[in-house]
Structure formats: C-alpha cells, structure tokens
N, C-alpha and C. Protein backbone atom coordinates (compact mmCIF):
# COMPACT_ATOMS: atom_id res chain seq x y z
N MET A 1 59.26 103.42 39.06
CA MET A 1 58.08 102.20 38.80
C MET A 1 58.05 101.69 40.16
N ILE A 2 57.08 101.75 40.88
CA ILE A 2 56.77 101.08 41.96
C ILE A 2 55.70 99.99 41.82
N ARG A 3 56.14 98.96 42.20
CA ARG A 3 56.04 97.56 42.80
C ARG A 3 55.28 97.08 43.88
N ASN A 4 54.05 97.01 44.34
CA ASN A 4 53.66 96.29 45.80
C ASN A 4 53.69 95.18 45.49
N GLY A 5 54.45 94.05 46.06
CA GLY A 5 54.09 92.63 46.47
C GLY A 5 55.80 92.31 46.55
N SER A 6 55.20 91.22 45.80
CA SER A 6 56.77 90.37 45.34
C SER A 6 57.55 92.31 44.83
N VAL A 7 70.58 96.44 44.66
CA VAL A 7 71.18 97.17 44.19
C VAL A 7 72.90 96.17 44.20
N ALA A 8 73.75 96.06 43.73
CA ALA A 8 73.91 94.82 43.32
C ALA A 8 75.15 94.27 43.07
N LYS A 9 76.51 95.00 43.05
CA LYS A 9 77.51 94.22 42.79
C LYS A 9 77.97 94.56 44.53
N TYR A 10 77.13 95.54 44.89
CA TYR A 10 77.70 95.75 46.11
C TYR A 10 76.33 95.28 47.03
N VAL A 11 77.00 94.44 47.17
CA VAL A 11 75.77 93.09 48.33
C VAL A 11 77.00 92.79 50.19
N ALA A 12 75.92 93.81 50.76
CA ALA A 12 76.14 93.44 52.45
C ALA A 12 75.58 92.24 52.63
N ILE A 13 75.99 91.37 53.46
CA ILE A 13 75.57 90.22 54.39
C ILE A 13 75.29 90.82 55.81
N PHE A 14 73.94 90.06 55.83
CA PHE A 14 73.24 90.64 57.40
C PHE A 14 73.01 89.08 58.30
N ALA A 15 73.44 88.87 58.84
CA ALA A 15 73.41 87.92 60.22
C ALA A 15 72.25 88.66 60.89
N LEU A 16 71.03 87.49 61.36
CA LEU A 16 69.71 87.91 62.21
C LEU A 16 70.11 86.69 62.92
N ALA A 17 69.90 87.38 64.12
CA ALA A 17 69.56 86.51 65.38
C ALA A 17 68.71 86.02 65.08
N CYS A 18 68.11 84.88 64.93
CA CYS A 18 66.72 84.99 65.05
C CYS A 18 65.88 84.67 66.38
N ALA A 19 66.97 84.02 67.36
CA ALA A 19 65.93 83.86 68.58
C ALA A 19 65.86 84.89 69.43
N ALA A 20 65.95 85.67 69.22
CA ALA A 20 65.89 87.05 69.61
C ALA A 20 65.81 88.44 69.29
N PRO A 21 64.71 89.19 69.67
CA PRO A 21 64.52 90.33 68.77
C PRO A 21 65.00 91.16 68.72
N SER A 22 66.71 91.40 69.53
CA SER A 22 67.27 92.60 69.46
C SER A 22 68.54 92.41 68.53
N LEU A 23 68.26 93.29 67.91
CA LEU A 23 69.23 92.39 66.14
C LEU A 23 70.02 94.02 66.36
N ALA A 24 71.56 93.59 65.97
CA ALA A 24 72.11 94.13 65.63
C ALA A 24 72.94 94.66 63.94
N PHE A 25 72.78 95.03 63.68
CA PHE A 25 73.21 95.36 61.96
C PHE A 25 74.24 95.91 61.63
N GLN A 26 75.32 95.23 61.38
CA GLN A 26 76.21 95.77 60.51
C GLN A 26 76.77 95.20 59.64
N ALA A 27 77.12 95.54 58.58
CA ALA A 27 77.25 95.23 57.17
C ALA A 27 78.81 94.87 56.82
N MET A 28 79.62 94.10 56.18
CA MET A 28 80.80 93.06 56.35
C MET A 28 81.44 94.23 56.19
N ASP A 29 81.00 95.34 55.33
CA ASP A 29 82.29 96.12 55.07
C ASP A 29 82.20 97.33 56.42
N GLY A 30 80.97 97.22 57.26
CA GLY A 30 81.50 98.15 58.55
C GLY A 30 81.11 99.51 58.24
N THR A 31 79.99 99.32 57.45
CA THR A 31 78.66 100.26 57.21
C THR A 31 77.64 100.48 58.14
N ASN A 32 77.04 100.72 58.36
CA ASN A 32 75.25 101.09 59.70
C ASN A 32 74.31 100.74 58.38
N ALA A 33 73.32 100.20 58.57
CA ALA A 33 72.29 99.70 58.17
C ALA A 33 71.24 100.70 58.43
N ASP A 34 71.40 101.87 57.86
CA ASP A 34 70.80 103.33 58.25
C ASP A 34 69.45 102.57 59.55
N ASN A 35 68.74 102.79 59.65
CA ASN A 35 67.41 102.85 60.65
C ASN A 35 66.98 101.71 60.87
N ALA A 36 66.85 100.46 59.72
CA ALA A 36 66.68 99.17 59.52
C ALA A 36 65.64 98.80 60.45
N GLU A 37 65.78 99.49 61.70
CA GLU A 37 64.68 98.40 62.53
C GLU A 37 64.04 99.35 63.35
N GLY A 38 63.18 99.52 63.69
CA GLY A 38 62.07 100.03 64.15
C GLY A 38 61.65 99.42 65.31
N ARG A 39 61.32 99.27 66.45
CA ARG A 39 60.71 99.51 67.53
C ARG A 39 59.30 100.23 68.00
N ALA A 40 58.27 99.71 68.55
CA ALA A 40 56.74 100.36 69.00
C ALA A 40 56.40 99.73 70.40
N GLY A 41 56.64 99.32 71.39
CA GLY A 41 55.92 98.44 72.04
C GLY A 41 56.44 97.63 71.94
N ASP A 42 55.70 96.36 72.21
CA ASP A 42 56.40 95.01 71.91
C ASP A 42 57.17 94.55 70.47
N LEU A 43 56.21 95.45 69.67
CA LEU A 43 56.23 95.27 67.97
C LEU A 43 57.81 95.58 67.60
N LEU A 44 58.84 94.89 67.34
CA LEU A 44 59.67 95.21 66.32
C LEU A 44 59.72 94.29 64.91
N ILE A 45 59.95 95.81 63.98
CA ILE A 45 60.26 95.72 62.93
C ILE A 45 61.04 95.99 62.03
N VAL A 46 62.03 94.99 61.09
CA VAL A 46 62.97 95.62 60.64
C VAL A 46 62.98 95.18 58.47
N GLN A 47 62.79 96.58 58.03
CA GLN A 47 62.94 96.29 56.36
C GLN A 47 64.09 96.16 56.08
N LEU A 48 64.56 94.66 54.96
CA LEU A 48 65.55 95.05 54.65
C LEU A 48 65.61 94.63 53.16
N TRP A 49 66.54 95.08 51.85
CA TRP A 49 66.27 94.77 51.03
C TRP A 49 67.35 94.26 50.01
N THR A 50 66.97 94.07 48.50
CA THR A 50 67.94 92.48 48.26
C THR A 50 67.31 93.05 46.50
N THR A 51 68.20 92.83 45.76
CA THR A 51 68.03 92.51 44.67
C THR A 51 68.36 91.03 43.85
N ASP A 52 67.86 90.47 45.43
CA ASP A 52 68.14 88.64 44.75
C ASP A 52 67.15 87.55 45.37
N PRO A 53 65.35 88.64 45.11
CA PRO A 53 64.74 87.77 46.16
C PRO A 53 64.86 86.31 46.63
N ASN A 54 65.01 85.54 45.52
CA ASN A 54 64.34 84.04 45.68
C ASN A 54 66.17 83.92 46.56
N THR A 55 67.55 83.97 46.01
CA THR A 55 68.20 83.86 47.50
C THR A 55 68.00 84.58 48.31
N PHE A 56 67.47 85.44 48.83
CA PHE A 56 67.42 86.09 50.18
C PHE A 56 65.83 85.08 50.89
N LEU A 57 65.01 84.30 50.43
CA LEU A 57 64.14 83.36 50.68
C LEU A 57 64.64 82.47 50.79
N ASP A 58 65.36 82.06 50.28
CA ASP A 58 65.87 80.21 50.40
C ASP A 58 66.51 80.36 51.41
N ALA A 59 67.53 81.32 51.70
CA ALA A 59 68.29 81.57 53.12
C ALA A 59 67.56 81.88 54.08
N TRP A 60 66.32 82.54 53.90
CA TRP A 60 65.12 82.81 54.76
C TRP A 60 65.09 81.06 55.80
N ARG A 61 64.72 80.22 54.86
CA ARG A 61 63.89 79.03 54.57
C ARG A 61 64.85 77.98 55.44
N GLN A 62 66.52 78.38 55.47
CA GLN A 62 67.58 77.84 56.18
C GLN A 62 67.34 77.80 57.65
N PRO A 63 67.94 76.77 58.40
CA PRO A 63 68.05 77.08 59.53
C PRO A 63 68.30 78.59 60.65
N THR A 64 67.73 78.74 61.56
CA THR A 64 68.22 79.72 61.72
C THR A 64 70.03 79.54 62.86
N PRO A 65 70.98 81.10 62.84
CA PRO A 65 70.57 82.09 62.23
C PRO A 65 70.67 81.74 60.48
N PRO A 66 69.62 82.89 60.04
CA PRO A 66 70.35 82.37 58.12
C PRO A 66 70.63 83.73 58.48
N THR A 67 71.67 83.66 57.00
CA THR A 67 72.89 84.74 56.21
C THR A 67 72.24 85.31 55.54
N LEU A 68 71.09 86.26 55.13
CA LEU A 68 70.72 87.35 54.16
C LEU A 68 71.60 87.71 53.61
N ARG A 69 71.62 88.06 52.19
CA ARG A 69 72.01 88.47 51.26
C ARG A 69 71.07 90.15 51.25
N THR A 70 71.47 90.92 51.40
CA THR A 70 70.71 92.36 51.49
C THR A 70 71.71 93.78 50.66
N THR A 71 71.38 94.29 50.47
CA THR A 71 71.77 95.25 49.81
C THR A 71 71.43 96.78 50.15
N SER A 72 71.73 97.76 49.61
CA SER A 72 71.55 98.76 49.94
C SER A 72 71.86 99.81 48.04
N ARG A 73 71.95 99.07 47.11
CA ARG A 73 72.04 99.68 46.06
C ARG A 73 72.15 98.80 45.19
N ALA A 74 71.27 100.18 44.03
CA ALA A 74 70.52 98.99 42.78
C ALA A 74 71.07 100.11 41.49
N ALA A 75 71.38 98.86 40.57
CA ALA A 75 71.61 99.81 39.15
C ALA A 75 70.21 100.53 38.49
N ARG A 76 70.25 101.44 37.61
CA ARG A 76 68.65 102.12 36.88
C ARG A 76 68.79 100.86 36.05
N ASN A 77 66.86 100.35 36.07
CA ASN A 77 66.05 99.02 35.46
C ASN A 77 66.46 97.86 36.12
N GLN A 78 67.32 97.92 37.00
CA GLN A 78 67.32 96.53 38.29
C GLN A 78 66.21 96.70 39.15
N PRO A 79 64.92 95.90 39.17
CA PRO A 79 64.45 95.95 40.39
C PRO A 79 64.69 95.56 41.79
N ILE A 80 64.63 95.96 42.62
CA ILE A 80 65.25 95.90 44.07
C ILE A 80 63.68 95.57 44.95
N GLN A 81 63.97 94.73 46.03
CA GLN A 81 62.66 94.22 46.68
C GLN A 81 62.95 94.64 48.26
N GLN A 82 61.38 94.85 48.88
CA GLN A 82 61.53 95.05 50.12
C GLN A 82 61.36 93.56 50.77
N PHE A 83 61.94 93.56 52.04
CA PHE A 83 61.10 92.65 52.90
C PHE A 83 61.22 92.86 54.38
N ILE A 84 60.33 92.69 54.64
CA ILE A 84 59.79 93.38 56.52
C ILE A 84 60.19 91.92 57.14
N LEU A 85 60.52 92.19 58.22
CA LEU A 85 60.73 91.08 59.63
C LEU A 85 60.05 91.83 60.51
N TYR A 86 59.21 90.81 61.40
CA TYR A 86 58.61 91.49 62.39
C TYR A 86 58.91 90.91 63.60
N SER A 87 58.64 90.81 64.83
CA SER A 87 58.24 89.79 66.17
C SER A 87 57.78 90.64 67.06
N ASN A 88 57.16 89.73 67.69
CA ASN A 88 55.81 90.36 69.02
C ASN A 88 54.76 91.35 68.48
N CYS A 89 54.19 90.39 67.66
CA CYS A 89 53.10 91.29 67.29
C CYS A 89 52.03 90.53 68.85
N ALA A 90 51.21 91.76 68.87
CA ALA A 90 50.38 91.49 69.56
C ALA A 90 48.68 90.68 68.54
N THR A 91 48.41 89.79 69.64
CA THR A 91 47.14 88.90 68.85
C THR A 91 45.95 89.63 69.22
N ASP A 92 44.64 88.53 68.13
CA ASP A 92 43.48 88.66 68.77
C ASP A 92 42.60 87.93 69.74
N ALA A 93 41.73 87.59 70.04
CA ALA A 93 40.70 86.38 70.59
C ALA A 93 41.04 85.58 69.84
N ALA A 94 41.02 85.60 68.44
CA ALA A 94 41.50 83.87 67.75
C ALA A 94 42.67 83.57 67.93
N GLY A 95 43.67 84.52 68.19
CA GLY A 95 45.57 84.17 68.25
C GLY A 95 45.71 85.04 66.98
N ASN A 96 45.15 85.95 66.42
CA ASN A 96 45.59 86.60 64.66
C ASN A 96 46.32 87.53 65.40
N CYS A 97 47.56 87.76 64.16
CA CYS A 97 48.65 88.91 63.77
C CYS A 97 47.79 89.77 62.92
N HIS A 98 48.38 90.89 63.20
CA HIS A 98 47.94 91.79 62.00
C HIS A 98 48.63 93.49 61.67
N LEU A 99 48.94 93.15 60.67
CA LEU A 99 49.86 94.22 60.38
C LEU A 99 49.68 95.22 59.58
N THR A 100 49.53 96.46 59.47
CA THR A 100 49.10 97.21 57.78
C THR A 100 50.65 98.03 57.87
N ALA A 101 50.98 98.29 56.76
CA ALA A 101 52.15 98.68 56.40
C ALA A 101 52.17 100.10 55.27
N ARG A 102 52.88 101.70 55.84
CA ARG A 102 52.63 102.64 54.58
C ARG A 102 53.73 102.83 54.22
N ALA A 103 54.62 102.75 52.82
CA ALA A 103 55.86 103.17 53.12
C ALA A 103 55.95 104.63 51.68
N ILE A 104 56.73 104.87 52.43
CA ILE A 104 56.68 106.29 51.37
C ILE A 104 58.05 106.65 50.57
N ILE A 105 58.41 106.80 49.64
CA ILE A 105 59.71 106.84 49.03
C ILE A 105 59.89 108.67 48.89
N THR A 106 61.20 108.74 48.82
CA THR A 106 61.41 109.77 48.55
C THR A 106 62.83 110.42 47.54
N SER A 107 62.53 110.89 46.39
CA SER A 107 63.82 111.40 45.46
C SER A 107 65.14 111.36 45.79
N PRO A 108 65.38 111.54 45.27
CA PRO A 108 67.14 111.86 46.02
C PRO A 108 66.59 113.93 45.69
N ASP A 109 66.26 114.17 45.07
CA ASP A 109 66.11 115.62 45.21
C ASP A 109 65.09 116.21 45.99
N GLY A 110 64.81 115.71 46.87
CA GLY A 110 63.87 115.54 47.94
C GLY A 110 62.34 115.48 48.06
N THR A 111 61.78 115.32 46.73
CA THR A 111 60.68 115.22 45.96
C THR A 111 59.98 114.18 46.38
N PRO A 112 58.50 113.54 46.47
CA PRO A 112 58.04 112.72 46.61
C PRO A 112 58.35 111.47 45.35
N TYR A 113 58.69 110.09 45.28
CA TYR A 113 58.60 109.45 44.69
C TYR A 113 57.26 108.81 44.29
N GLY A 114 56.20 109.16 43.55
CA GLY A 114 54.90 108.31 43.60
C GLY A 114 53.88 108.96 45.66
N GLU A 115 53.01 108.10 45.07
CA GLU A 115 52.01 108.46 45.94
C GLU A 115 52.75 107.50 47.53
N PRO A 116 52.07 107.66 48.61
CA PRO A 116 52.58 106.40 49.67
C PRO A 116 51.86 105.51 49.54
N ILE A 117 52.13 104.04 49.36
CA ILE A 117 51.89 102.92 49.45
C ILE A 117 50.98 102.10 50.33
N VAL A 118 49.85 102.46 50.56
CA VAL A 118 49.15 101.45 52.12
C VAL A 118 49.22 100.01 51.07
N PHE A 119 49.65 98.72 52.62
CA PHE A 119 48.93 97.98 52.41
C PHE A 119 48.66 96.76 53.14
N GLU A 120 48.64 95.67 53.36
CA GLU A 120 48.22 94.77 54.05
C GLU A 120 50.16 93.91 54.59
N ALA A 121 50.70 94.28 55.30
CA ALA A 121 51.98 93.42 55.04
C ALA A 121 52.09 91.90 55.81
N LEU A 122 50.71 91.84 56.78
CA LEU A 122 50.56 90.06 57.49
C LEU A 122 49.14 90.52 57.67
N PRO A 123 48.03 89.35 56.44
CA PRO A 123 46.90 89.63 56.92
C PRO A 123 46.86 88.87 58.41
N ALA A 124 45.25 88.74 58.72
CA ALA A 124 45.71 88.32 59.98
C ALA A 124 45.41 86.64 60.57
N SER A 125 46.25 86.57 60.70
CA SER A 125 47.36 85.41 60.40
C SER A 125 47.79 85.13 61.86
N PRO A 126 48.17 84.06 62.44
CA PRO A 126 49.09 83.26 63.55
C PRO A 126 50.43 84.01 62.93
N PRO A 127 50.55 84.74 64.41
CA PRO A 127 52.14 85.36 64.39
C PRO A 127 53.37 84.08 64.70
N ALA A 128 54.38 84.54 64.32
CA ALA A 128 55.80 84.13 64.80
C ALA A 128 56.05 84.04 66.00
N PRO A 129 56.49 83.01 66.81
CA PRO A 129 56.62 82.50 67.93
C PRO A 129 56.73 83.75 68.72
N ARG A 130 56.95 84.12 69.97
CA ARG A 130 56.95 84.71 70.61
C ARG A 130 58.70 84.65 70.55
N ASN A 131 59.09 86.26 70.97
CA ASN A 131 60.66 86.48 70.73
C ASN A 131 61.38 86.06 69.63
N ARG A 132 60.73 85.46 68.53
CA ARG A 132 61.72 85.03 67.23
C ARG A 132 60.63 86.32 65.73
N LEU A 133 61.79 86.06 65.05
CA LEU A 133 61.31 86.92 63.85
C LEU A 133 60.59 85.93 62.96
N GLY A 134 59.21 86.51 62.11
CA GLY A 134 58.48 86.60 60.88
C GLY A 134 58.70 86.96 60.24
N LEU A 135 58.59 86.47 59.06
CA LEU A 135 58.69 87.67 57.65
C LEU A 135 57.50 87.22 57.17
N ALA A 136 56.77 89.13 57.30
CA ALA A 136 55.70 89.39 56.89
C ALA A 136 55.39 89.28 54.79
N PRO A 137 54.16 88.30 54.80
CA PRO A 137 54.05 87.98 53.48
C PRO A 137 53.74 89.28 52.35
N SER A 138 53.81 90.16 52.73
CA SER A 138 53.63 91.40 51.72
C SER A 138 54.81 92.86 52.04
N SER A 139 55.12 93.09 50.38
CA SER A 139 56.17 94.13 50.91
C SER A 139 56.08 94.91 49.60
N ILE A 140 57.43 95.90 49.60
CA ILE A 140 56.95 96.63 48.05
C ILE A 140 58.02 96.63 47.34
N GLY A 141 58.68 96.64 46.17
CA GLY A 141 59.63 96.89 45.43
C GLY A 141 59.98 97.91 43.62
N PHE A 142 60.18 98.49 43.54
CA PHE A 142 60.55 99.24 42.71
C PHE A 142 61.49 99.39 41.90
N VAL A 143 62.08 99.89 40.53
CA VAL A 143 62.89 100.10 39.41
C VAL A 143 62.73 101.10 39.28
N ILE A 144 64.02 102.15 39.22
CA ILE A 144 64.13 103.36 38.59
C ILE A 144 64.44 103.11 37.12
N GLU A 145 63.76 103.60 36.58
CA GLU A 145 63.55 103.21 34.86
C GLU A 145 64.58 104.73 34.59
N ASP A 146 64.35 104.55 32.77
CA ASP A 146 65.68 105.37 32.17
C ASP A 146 64.76 106.71 32.08
N GLY A 147 65.24 107.78 32.41
CA GLY A 147 64.39 109.51 32.87
C GLY A 147 64.32 109.90 33.92
N GLU A 148 64.24 108.37 35.08
CA GLU A 148 64.01 108.76 36.64
C GLU A 148 65.52 109.21 37.34
N GLN A 149 65.45 109.50 38.46
CA GLN A 149 66.41 110.28 39.21
C GLN A 149 67.60 109.25 39.55
N LEU A 150 68.60 109.22 39.42
CA LEU A 150 69.52 108.34 40.14
C LEU A 150 70.38 109.23 41.35
N GLY A 151 70.50 108.41 42.47
CA GLY A 151 71.13 108.69 43.16
C GLY A 151 70.65 108.26 44.65
N ARG A 152 70.74 109.04 45.77
CA ARG A 152 69.96 108.28 47.16
C ARG A 152 68.35 108.31 47.63
N TYR A 153 67.79 107.23 47.73
CA TYR A 153 66.89 107.27 47.47
C TYR A 153 66.35 106.78 48.95
N ARG A 154 65.51 107.41 49.66
CA ARG A 154 65.17 107.28 51.13
C ARG A 154 63.69 106.97 51.14
N ILE A 155 64.07 105.64 51.88
CA ILE A 155 62.32 104.64 51.65
C ILE A 155 61.44 104.97 53.65
N ASP A 156 60.58 105.45 53.87
CA ASP A 156 59.73 105.77 55.04
C ASP A 156 59.31 104.39 55.77
N LEU A 157 59.60 103.58 56.06
CA LEU A 157 57.96 102.50 56.37
C LEU A 157 57.59 102.67 57.88
N SER A 158 56.34 102.34 57.87
CA SER A 158 55.77 102.53 58.81
C SER A 158 54.58 101.06 59.18
N VAL A 159 54.70 100.34 59.89
CA VAL A 159 53.93 99.01 60.38
C VAL A 159 53.39 99.22 61.76
N THR A 160 52.20 99.30 61.49
CA THR A 160 51.04 99.55 62.22
C THR A 160 50.50 98.02 63.02
N ASP A 161 50.66 97.44 64.27
CA ASP A 161 50.14 96.54 64.61
C ASP A 161 48.42 97.05 65.45
N THR A 162 47.74 96.27 64.65
CA THR A 162 46.49 96.89 64.56
C THR A 162 45.63 96.30 65.90
N ASN A 163 46.03 95.54 66.40
CA ASN A 163 45.29 94.69 67.79
C ASN A 163 45.81 95.64 69.13
N ALA A 164 47.25 95.95 68.92
CA ALA A 164 47.57 96.63 69.52
C ALA A 164 48.01 97.87 69.79
N GLY A 165 47.52 98.47 68.56
CA GLY A 165 47.41 100.05 68.42
C GLY A 165 48.70 100.50 68.07
N VAL A 166 50.23 100.20 67.82
CA VAL A 166 51.31 100.98 67.92
C VAL A 166 51.42 100.85 66.73
N THR A 167 52.21 101.62 65.94
CA THR A 167 53.04 102.15 65.06
C THR A 167 54.93 101.79 65.08
N ALA A 168 55.70 101.12 64.05
CA ALA A 168 56.51 101.00 64.29
C ALA A 168 57.48 101.64 63.32
N THR A 169 58.37 102.65 63.07
CA THR A 169 59.24 102.95 61.93
C THR A 169 60.06 102.90 61.57
N SER A 170 60.94 102.56 60.55
CA SER A 170 62.28 102.20 60.31
C SER A 170 62.16 103.55 58.73
N ARG A 171 63.42 103.38 58.89
CA ARG A 171 63.95 104.62 57.68
C ARG A 171 65.73 103.78 57.03
N VAL A 172 65.56 103.59 55.70
CA VAL A 172 66.66 102.82 54.72
C VAL A 172 66.62 104.20 53.52
N HIS A 173 68.36 104.11 53.44
CA HIS A 173 68.46 104.25 52.16
C HIS A 173 68.89 104.00 50.94
N LEU A 174 68.84 103.92 49.91
CA LEU A 174 68.83 102.89 48.66
C LEU A 174 69.61 104.03 47.78
N GLU A 175 70.96 103.71 47.31
CA GLU A 175 71.73 104.34 46.27
C GLU A 175 70.89 103.95 44.94
N VAL A 176 71.10 104.27 43.82
CA VAL A 176 70.56 103.94 42.61
C VAL A 176 71.84 104.69 41.85
N VAL A 177 72.42 103.47 40.64
CA VAL A 177 73.49 104.23 40.18
C VAL A 177 73.11 104.06 38.66
N GLU A 178 73.67 104.42 37.55
CA GLU A 178 73.75 103.70 35.92
C GLU A 178 74.43 102.84 36.25
N ALA A 179 73.81 101.75 35.79
CA ALA A 179 73.91 99.93 35.28
C ALA A 179 75.53 99.87 34.79
N ALA A 180 75.90 100.67 33.73
CA ALA A 180 77.84 100.38 33.93
C ALA A 180 78.52 100.90 35.62
N ALA A 181 77.90 102.05 36.21
CA ALA A 181 78.06 102.08 37.28
C ALA A 181 78.41 101.01 37.90
N GLN A 182 77.93 99.87 37.95
CA GLN A 182 77.90 98.63 39.19
C GLN A 182 79.36 98.02 38.82
C-alpha cells in the first residue's frame, strides 16, 4: 500500500554535510546508498528513507550537520517513509521556489507497484539558503502488506524545479523482508 505524505533493525546512519550541496553517502557498514543524490543544473536532490520518521525529523531540527537515521530495509507491514532534501532551486520574481515530484515504484519481479505518484514536493515558498539543504514538506511512504511481494523494490524519484525548468532524478532500492527475518 502506497501512502502519499507523511527497514528496521538494519539502520544505516548517514551524516549530511548541510553546509555544502555536495554530499558523500556512505553507510556505516561500508555500503553505498544507491544513487540517492540527483542533480540537474544547480538543483540537488537527495531521497532518504526511514522507518522512524519522528527520530529523523528530531535529528533534522538539530544543529548542522545532523546525523539522520535512514535505512534501505523494512519488514512486511512496517511503514517506510521517504524524505526529500533539496538545495539550490531557482526562485521566481516573488523569491519562491517550487518543486514537483514523480515517484515510480517497481516491484521485485520488475512490474510496476501501483501507478506513478505525482505530487508537489515543495509548494511555492522561500527556499533553503543557497548551498544549504532544505527538507521538502511532502514525500511518499508505503507498506508492503500480507500477500504482496517480498524482495528488492526500486524507487525512481524525479524532482522538477518548475522555475528553472530542470528535473533531477534519484534511484534507491529498498529491501522488504518477512517480519520474523528482521
């Protein structure tokens, strides 16, 4: 089940250098974080996932750079939430940035997991300061329920800066396992 709006024992910690838009993602266990980062023109996006959104948001509100609890693994029936970070979006005459997003989820067998999800990631509003990361207020979440496939899901995220006319893309994989396997 996909949820618009607002992977568990295996939790990687990513440190984000919020003062610079160039980020290096390396999980504490030495694995790479897929292509969580995407760029187009000046726009930088990063999609991160967590099964503990409250802890993620609490850490985000702390002094920079925050240590964000993220993961690429969830158990069946466990909600997992996406967060979209952005930097350097273009502003309009009123000084507002506007980001739209499209998420496509692919099941482990290669078939689409529902329809593409199109949403407004950042409604027209003042952006984060130049060369700083901002947290988009909208993203997606989903739950793999009983009867749905277990395995590696692919999430392709495209974020368009409507003022600059550019689209940055990011791809991550999330492993969904039986609850007892966690």
